[in-house]
PDB file of all heavy atoms in Angstrom:
ATOM      1  N   THR A   1     118.819  91.068  69.428  1.00  0.00           N
ATOM      2  CA  THR A   1     119.572  92.267  69.870  1.00  0.00           C
ATOM      3  C   THR A   1     118.683  93.458  70.062  1.00  0.00           C
ATOM      4  O   THR A   1     118.819  94.238  71.002  1.00  0.00           O
ATOM      5  CB  THR A   1     120.704  92.563  68.924  1.00  0.00           C
ATOM      6  OG1 THR A   1     121.518  91.425  68.726  1.00  0.00           O
ATOM      7  CG2 THR A   1     121.552  93.755  69.253  1.00  0.00           C
ATOM      8  N   LEU A   2     117.828  93.742  69.074  1.00  0.00           N
ATOM      9  CA  LEU A   2     117.005  94.947  69.132  1.00  0.00           C
ATOM     10  C   LEU A   2     116.008  94.837  70.341  1.00  0.00           C
ATOM     11  O   LEU A   2     115.721  95.832  71.014  1.00  0.00           O
ATOM     12  CB  LEU A   2     116.293  95.098  67.866  1.00  0.00           C
ATOM     13  CG  LEU A   2     117.050  95.551  66.671  1.00  0.00           C
ATOM     14  CD1 LEU A   2     116.283  95.468  65.384  1.00  0.00           C
ATOM     15  CD2 LEU A   2     117.601  96.993  66.907  1.00  0.00           C
ATOM     16  N   ILE A   3     115.424  93.664  70.530  1.00  0.00           N
ATOM     17  CA  ILE A   3     114.523  93.417  71.650  1.00  0.00           C
ATOM     18  C   ILE A   3     115.279  93.637  72.968  1.00  0.00           C
ATOM     19  O   ILE A   3     114.802  94.418  73.888  1.00  0.00           O
ATOM     20  CB  ILE A   3     113.918  92.065  71.658  1.00  0.00           C
ATOM     21  CG1 ILE A   3     112.849  91.967  70.465  1.00  0.00           C
ATOM     22  CG2 ILE A   3     113.173  91.726  72.985  1.00  0.00           C
ATOM     23  CD1 ILE A   3     112.352  90.636  70.248  1.00  0.00           C
ATOM     24  N   ASP A   4     116.427  93.059  73.095  1.00  0.00           N
ATOM     25  CA  ASP A   4     117.257  93.148  74.383  1.00  0.00           C
ATOM     26  C   ASP A   4     117.564  94.630  74.533  1.00  0.00           C
ATOM     27  O   ASP A   4     117.472  95.180  75.716  1.00  0.00           O
ATOM     28  CB  ASP A   4     118.502  92.264  74.292  1.00  0.00           C
ATOM     29  CG  ASP A   4     119.304  92.198  75.516  1.00  0.00           C
ATOM     30  OD1 ASP A   4     118.685  92.038  76.579  1.00  0.00           O
ATOM     31  OD2 ASP A   4     120.492  92.409  75.462  1.00  0.00           O
ATOM     32  N   HIS A   5     118.007  95.290  73.532  1.00  0.00           N
ATOM     33  CA  HIS A   5     118.372  96.735  73.697  1.00  0.00           C
ATOM     34  C   HIS A   5     117.223  97.580  74.118  1.00  0.00           C
ATOM     35  O   HIS A   5     117.423  98.482  74.998  1.00  0.00           O
ATOM     36  CB  HIS A   5     119.016  97.240  72.437  1.00  0.00           C
ATOM     37  CG  HIS A   5     119.583  98.553  72.532  1.00  0.00           C
ATOM     38  ND1 HIS A   5     118.861  99.748  72.439  1.00  0.00           N
ATOM     39  CD2 HIS A   5     120.905  99.012  72.801  1.00  0.00           C
ATOM     40  CE1 HIS A   5     119.618 100.818  72.622  1.00  0.00           C
ATOM     41  NE2 HIS A   5     120.811 100.405  72.776  1.00  0.00           N
ATOM     42  N   ALA A   6     116.004  97.272  73.568  1.00  0.00           N
ATOM     43  CA  ALA A   6     114.846  98.083  73.898  1.00  0.00           C
ATOM     44  C   ALA A   6     114.506  97.847  75.349  1.00  0.00           C
ATOM     45  O   ALA A   6     114.201  98.880  76.048  1.00  0.00           O
ATOM     46  CB  ALA A   6     113.692  97.573  73.049  1.00  0.00           C
ATOM     47  N   VAL A   7     114.566  96.693  75.883  1.00  0.00           N
ATOM     48  CA  VAL A   7     114.251  96.432  77.326  1.00  0.00           C
ATOM     49  C   VAL A   7     115.229  97.052  78.245  1.00  0.00           C
ATOM     50  O   VAL A   7     114.900  97.518  79.295  1.00  0.00           O
ATOM     51  CB  VAL A   7     114.038  94.887  77.534  1.00  0.00           C
ATOM     52  CG1 VAL A   7     113.711  94.613  79.007  1.00  0.00           C
ATOM     53  CG2 VAL A   7     113.033  94.313  76.680  1.00  0.00           C
ATOM     54  N   ARG A   8     116.513  97.080  77.839  1.00  0.00           N
ATOM     55  CA  ARG A   8     117.505  97.587  78.763  1.00  0.00           C
ATOM     56  C   ARG A   8     117.558  99.104  78.885  1.00  0.00           C
ATOM     57  O   ARG A   8     118.357  99.694  79.535  1.00  0.00           O
ATOM     58  CB  ARG A   8     118.872  97.100  78.238  1.00  0.00           C
ATOM     59  CG  ARG A   8     119.170  95.676  78.452  1.00  0.00           C
ATOM     60  CD  ARG A   8     120.459  95.287  77.788  1.00  0.00           C
ATOM     61  NE  ARG A   8     120.706  93.868  77.777  1.00  0.00           N
ATOM     62  CZ  ARG A   8     121.596  93.252  78.635  1.00  0.00           C
ATOM     63  NH1 ARG A   8     122.267  93.890  79.514  1.00  0.00           N
ATOM     64  NH2 ARG A   8     121.747  91.922  78.539  1.00  0.00           N
ATOM     65  N   GLU A   9     116.648  99.794  78.223  1.00  0.00           N
ATOM     66  CA  GLU A   9     116.490 101.275  78.325  1.00  0.00           C
ATOM     67  C   GLU A   9     116.017 101.732  79.717  1.00  0.00           C
ATOM     68  O   GLU A   9     116.038 102.872  80.032  1.00  0.00           O
ATOM     69  CB  GLU A   9     115.575 101.759  77.313  1.00  0.00           C
ATOM     70  CG  GLU A   9     116.139 101.747  75.865  1.00  0.00           C
ATOM     71  CD  GLU A   9     117.269 102.777  75.708  1.00  0.00           C
ATOM     72  OE1 GLU A   9     117.025 103.967  75.656  1.00  0.00           O
ATOM     73  OE2 GLU A   9     118.461 102.314  75.649  1.00  0.00           O
ATOM     74  N   MET A  10     115.549 100.761  80.529  1.00  0.00           N
ATOM     75  CA  MET A  10     115.190 101.009  81.919  1.00  0.00           C
ATOM     76  C   MET A  10     115.801  99.959  82.796  1.00  0.00           C
ATOM     77  O   MET A  10     115.997  98.849  82.259  1.00  0.00           O
ATOM     78  CB  MET A  10     113.699 101.061  82.135  1.00  0.00           C
ATOM     79  CG  MET A  10     113.095 102.408  81.928  1.00  0.00           C
ATOM     80  SD  MET A  10     111.432 102.581  82.813  1.00  0.00           S
ATOM     81  CE  MET A  10     110.435 101.387  82.006  1.00  0.00           C
ATOM     82  N   PRO A  11     116.155 100.259  84.057  1.00  0.00           N
ATOM     83  CA  PRO A  11     116.690  99.212  84.935  1.00  0.00           C
ATOM     84  C   PRO A  11     115.670  98.062  85.029  1.00  0.00           C
ATOM     85  O   PRO A  11     114.528  98.198  85.035  1.00  0.00           O
ATOM     86  CB  PRO A  11     116.831  99.935  86.298  1.00  0.00           C
ATOM     87  CG  PRO A  11     116.891 101.356  85.903  1.00  0.00           C
ATOM     88  CD  PRO A  11     116.008 101.607  84.728  1.00  0.00           C
ATOM     89  N   PRO A  12     116.288  96.742  85.050  1.00  0.00           N
ATOM     90  CA  PRO A  12     115.352  95.574  85.083  1.00  0.00           C
ATOM     91  C   PRO A  12     114.716  95.406  86.431  1.00  0.00           C
ATOM     92  O   PRO A  12     115.098  95.918  87.426  1.00  0.00           O
ATOM     93  CB  PRO A  12     116.366  94.501  84.728  1.00  0.00           C
ATOM     94  CG  PRO A  12     117.687  94.974  85.365  1.00  0.00           C
ATOM     95  CD  PRO A  12     117.674  96.441  85.154  1.00  0.00           C
ATOM     96  N   ARG A  13     113.600  94.523  86.392  1.00  0.00           N
ATOM     97  CA  ARG A  13     113.058  94.056  87.607  1.00  0.00           C
ATOM     98  C   ARG A  13     114.081  93.201  88.366  1.00  0.00           C
ATOM     99  O   ARG A  13     114.964  92.620  87.764  1.00  0.00           O
ATOM    100  CB  ARG A  13     111.819  93.231  87.363  1.00  0.00           C
ATOM    101  CG  ARG A  13     110.706  94.019  86.761  1.00  0.00           C
ATOM    102  CD  ARG A  13     109.331  93.227  86.602  1.00  0.00           C
ATOM    103  NE  ARG A  13     109.582  92.002  85.802  1.00  0.00           N
ATOM    104  CZ  ARG A  13     109.438  92.046  84.469  1.00  0.00           C
ATOM    105  NH1 ARG A  13     109.136  93.149  83.787  1.00  0.00           N
ATOM    106  NH2 ARG A  13     109.567  90.936  83.748  1.00  0.00           N
ATOM    107  N   PRO A  14     113.913  93.046  89.739  1.00  0.00           N
ATOM    108  CA  PRO A  14     112.790  93.581  90.580  1.00  0.00           C
ATOM    109  C   PRO A  14     112.964  95.037  90.918  1.00  0.00           C
ATOM    110  O   PRO A  14     114.131  95.570  91.038  1.00  0.00           O
ATOM    111  CB  PRO A  14     112.967  92.779  91.900  1.00  0.00           C
ATOM    112  CG  PRO A  14     114.348  92.343  91.915  1.00  0.00           C
ATOM    113  CD  PRO A  14     114.804  92.134  90.498  1.00  0.00           C
ATOM    114  N   GLU A  15     111.872  95.727  90.912  1.00  0.00           N
ATOM    115  CA  GLU A  15     111.914  97.214  91.336  1.00  0.00           C
ATOM    116  C   GLU A  15     112.107  97.293  92.858  1.00  0.00           C
ATOM    117  O   GLU A  15     111.563  96.531  93.527  1.00  0.00           O
ATOM    118  CB  GLU A  15     110.550  97.852  90.922  1.00  0.00           C
ATOM    119  CG  GLU A  15     110.166  97.788  89.461  1.00  0.00           C
ATOM    120  CD  GLU A  15     110.941  98.613  88.542  1.00  0.00           C
ATOM    121  OE1 GLU A  15     111.761  99.386  89.077  1.00  0.00           O
ATOM    122  OE2 GLU A  15     110.704  98.578  87.356  1.00  0.00           O
ATOM    123  N   PRO A  16     112.893  98.243  93.265  1.00  0.00           N
ATOM    124  CA  PRO A  16     113.119  98.461  94.685  1.00  0.00           C
ATOM    125  C   PRO A  16     111.776  98.802  95.398  1.00  0.00           C
ATOM    126  O   PRO A  16     111.644  98.521  96.570  1.00  0.00           O
ATOM    127  CB  PRO A  16     114.127  99.644  94.758  1.00  0.00           C
ATOM    128  CG  PRO A  16     114.756  99.632  93.470  1.00  0.00           C
ATOM    129  CD  PRO A  16     113.706  99.189  92.387  1.00  0.00           C
ATOM    130  N   LEU A  17     110.891  99.483  94.699  1.00  0.00           N
ATOM    131  CA  LEU A  17     109.589  99.941  95.319  1.00  0.00           C
ATOM    132  C   LEU A  17     108.398  99.364  94.627  1.00  0.00           C
ATOM    133  O   LEU A  17     108.418  99.066  93.405  1.00  0.00           O
ATOM    134  CB  LEU A  17     109.549 101.409  95.378  1.00  0.00           C
ATOM    135  CG  LEU A  17     110.624 102.222  96.075  1.00  0.00           C
ATOM    136  CD1 LEU A  17     110.488 103.700  95.820  1.00  0.00           C
ATOM    137  CD2 LEU A  17     110.725 101.848  97.519  1.00  0.00           C
ATOM    138  N   SER A  18     107.351  99.218  95.348  1.00  0.00           N
ATOM    139  CA  SER A  18     105.991  98.987  94.808  1.00  0.00           C
ATOM    140  C   SER A  18     105.090 100.045  95.377  1.00  0.00           C
ATOM    141  O   SER A  18     105.549 100.961  96.065  1.00  0.00           O
ATOM    142  CB  SER A  18     105.555  97.594  95.230  1.00  0.00           C
ATOM    143  OG  SER A  18     105.071  97.556  96.522  1.00  0.00           O
ATOM    144  N   THR A  19     103.850  99.956  95.001  1.00  0.00           N
ATOM    145  CA  THR A  19     102.870 100.919  95.536  1.00  0.00           C
ATOM    146  C   THR A  19     102.521 100.709  96.996  1.00  0.00           C
ATOM    147  O   THR A  19     101.774 101.402  97.581  1.00  0.00           O
ATOM    148  CB  THR A  19     101.546 100.921  94.690  1.00  0.00           C
ATOM    149  OG1 THR A  19     101.028  99.580  94.612  1.00  0.00           O
ATOM    150  CG2 THR A  19     101.805 101.410  93.346  1.00  0.00           C
ATOM    151  N   MET A  20     103.076  99.570  97.620  1.00  0.00           N
ATOM    152  CA  MET A  20     102.840  99.325  98.986  1.00  0.00           C
ATOM    153  C   MET A  20     103.335 100.451  99.943  1.00  0.00           C
ATOM    154  O   MET A  20     102.618 100.872 100.896  1.00  0.00           O
ATOM    155  CB  MET A  20     103.513  98.022  99.429  1.00  0.00           C
ATOM    156  CG  MET A  20     103.310  97.622 100.906  1.00  0.00           C
ATOM    157  SD  MET A  20     104.157  96.137 101.376  1.00  0.00           S
ATOM    158  CE  MET A  20     103.016  94.969 100.680  1.00  0.00           C
ATOM    159  N   ALA A  21     104.519 100.963  99.676  1.00  0.00           N
ATOM    160  CA  ALA A  21     105.147 101.917 100.523  1.00  0.00           C
ATOM    161  C   ALA A  21     106.204 102.685  99.804  1.00  0.00           C
ATOM    162  O   ALA A  21     106.670 102.257  98.739  1.00  0.00           O
ATOM    163  CB  ALA A  21     105.686 101.298 101.842  1.00  0.00           C
ATOM    164  N   ASP A  22     106.726 103.772 100.471  1.00  0.00           N
ATOM    165  CA  ASP A  22     107.861 104.531  99.759  1.00  0.00           C
ATOM    166  C   ASP A  22     109.201 104.112 100.270  1.00  0.00           C
ATOM    167  O   ASP A  22     110.201 104.809 100.198  1.00  0.00           O
ATOM    168  CB  ASP A  22     107.589 106.032 100.088  1.00  0.00           C
ATOM    169  CG  ASP A  22     107.583 106.422 101.467  1.00  0.00           C
ATOM    170  OD1 ASP A  22     107.698 105.475 102.363  1.00  0.00           O
ATOM    171  OD2 ASP A  22     107.420 107.617 101.773  1.00  0.00           O
ATOM    172  N   TYR A  23     109.275 102.861 100.798  1.00  0.00           N
ATOM    173  CA  TYR A  23     110.555 102.249 101.227  1.00  0.00           C
ATOM    174  C   TYR A  23     110.478 100.821 100.865  1.00  0.00           C
ATOM    175  O   TYR A  23     109.336 100.211 100.653  1.00  0.00           O
ATOM    176  CB  TYR A  23     110.857 102.476 102.709  1.00  0.00           C
ATOM    177  CG  TYR A  23     109.788 101.928 103.582  1.00  0.00           C
ATOM    178  CD1 TYR A  23     109.825 100.672 104.076  1.00  0.00           C
ATOM    179  CD2 TYR A  23     108.722 102.763 103.976  1.00  0.00           C
ATOM    180  CE1 TYR A  23     108.806 100.118 104.958  1.00  0.00           C
ATOM    181  CE2 TYR A  23     107.768 102.258 104.843  1.00  0.00           C
ATOM    182  CZ  TYR A  23     107.787 100.994 105.295  1.00  0.00           C
ATOM    183  OH  TYR A  23     106.824 100.474 106.075  1.00  0.00           O
ATOM    184  N   THR A  24     111.591 100.070 100.844  1.00  0.00           N
ATOM    185  CA  THR A  24     111.640  98.701 100.505  1.00  0.00           C
ATOM    186  C   THR A  24     111.548  97.809 101.672  1.00  0.00           C
ATOM    187  O   THR A  24     112.169  98.046 102.671  1.00  0.00           O
ATOM    188  CB  THR A  24     113.046  98.462  99.748  1.00  0.00           C
ATOM    189  OG1 THR A  24     113.105  99.310  98.665  1.00  0.00           O
ATOM    190  CG2 THR A  24     113.082  96.916  99.222  1.00  0.00           C
ATOM    191  N   SER A  25     110.722  96.792 101.527  1.00  0.00           N
ATOM    192  CA  SER A  25     110.565  95.731 102.504  1.00  0.00           C
ATOM    193  C   SER A  25     110.431  94.426 101.949  1.00  0.00           C
ATOM    194  O   SER A  25     110.256  94.291 100.662  1.00  0.00           O
ATOM    195  CB  SER A  25     109.414  96.020 103.431  1.00  0.00           C
ATOM    196  OG  SER A  25     108.133  95.882 102.656  1.00  0.00           O
ATOM    197  N   TRP A  26     110.505  93.413 102.616  1.00  0.00           N
ATOM    198  CA  TRP A  26     110.376  92.019 102.028  1.00  0.00           C
ATOM    199  C   TRP A  26     108.962  91.882 101.536  1.00  0.00           C
ATOM    200  O   TRP A  26     108.846  91.404 100.380  1.00  0.00           O
ATOM    201  CB  TRP A  26     110.582  90.936 103.081  1.00  0.00           C
ATOM    202  CG  TRP A  26     110.387  89.541 102.525  1.00  0.00           C
ATOM    203  CD1 TRP A  26     109.310  88.706 102.820  1.00  0.00           C
ATOM    204  CD2 TRP A  26     111.135  88.905 101.538  1.00  0.00           C
ATOM    205  NE1 TRP A  26     109.444  87.539 102.103  1.00  0.00           N
ATOM    206  CE2 TRP A  26     110.548  87.632 101.255  1.00  0.00           C
ATOM    207  CE3 TRP A  26     112.300  89.281 100.822  1.00  0.00           C
ATOM    208  CZ2 TRP A  26     111.049  86.739 100.366  1.00  0.00           C
ATOM    209  CZ3 TRP A  26     112.815  88.251  99.942  1.00  0.00           C
ATOM    210  CH2 TRP A  26     112.174  87.041  99.716  1.00  0.00           C
ATOM    211  N   ALA A  27     107.970  92.418 102.134  1.00  0.00           N
ATOM    212  CA  ALA A  27     106.554  92.308 101.628  1.00  0.00           C
ATOM    213  C   ALA A  27     106.446  93.084 100.378  1.00  0.00           C
ATOM    214  O   ALA A  27     105.768  92.693  99.403  1.00  0.00           O
ATOM    215  CB  ALA A  27     105.615  92.920 102.700  1.00  0.00           C
ATOM    216  N   SER A  28     107.079  94.323 100.285  1.00  0.00           N
ATOM    217  CA  SER A  28     106.916  95.133  99.042  1.00  0.00           C
ATOM    218  C   SER A  28     107.672  94.519  97.918  1.00  0.00           C
ATOM    219  O   SER A  28     107.354  94.809  96.694  1.00  0.00           O
ATOM    220  CB  SER A  28     107.500  96.558  99.303  1.00  0.00           C
ATOM    221  OG  SER A  28     108.877  96.558  99.356  1.00  0.00           O
ATOM    222  N   LEU A  29     108.611  93.587  98.141  1.00  0.00           N
ATOM    223  CA  LEU A  29     109.370  92.905  97.043  1.00  0.00           C
ATOM    224  C   LEU A  29     108.679  91.607  96.622  1.00  0.00           C
ATOM    225  O   LEU A  29     109.033  90.962  95.638  1.00  0.00           O
ATOM    226  CB  LEU A  29     110.767  92.620  97.509  1.00  0.00           C
ATOM    227  CG  LEU A  29     111.722  93.765  97.641  1.00  0.00           C
ATOM    228  CD1 LEU A  29     113.067  93.360  98.347  1.00  0.00           C
ATOM    229  CD2 LEU A  29     112.046  94.466  96.317  1.00  0.00           C
ATOM    230  N   THR A  30     107.587  91.214  97.329  1.00  0.00           N
ATOM    231  CA  THR A  30     107.064  89.815  97.053  1.00  0.00           C
ATOM    232  C   THR A  30     105.524  89.869  96.945  1.00  0.00           C
ATOM    233  O   THR A  30     104.972  89.006  96.346  1.00  0.00           O
ATOM    234  CB  THR A  30     107.388  88.850  98.151  1.00  0.00           C
ATOM    235  OG1 THR A  30     106.966  89.372  99.465  1.00  0.00           O
ATOM    236  CG2 THR A  30     108.901  88.587  98.253  1.00  0.00           C
TER     237      THR A  30
END
């Protein structure tokens, strides 16, 4: 429970963005 609660303090993966670009694309998600 404590581990699960700690991880849920931020939204889970997958992240909408990566360092590829400032918008979401199939490439940026993979």
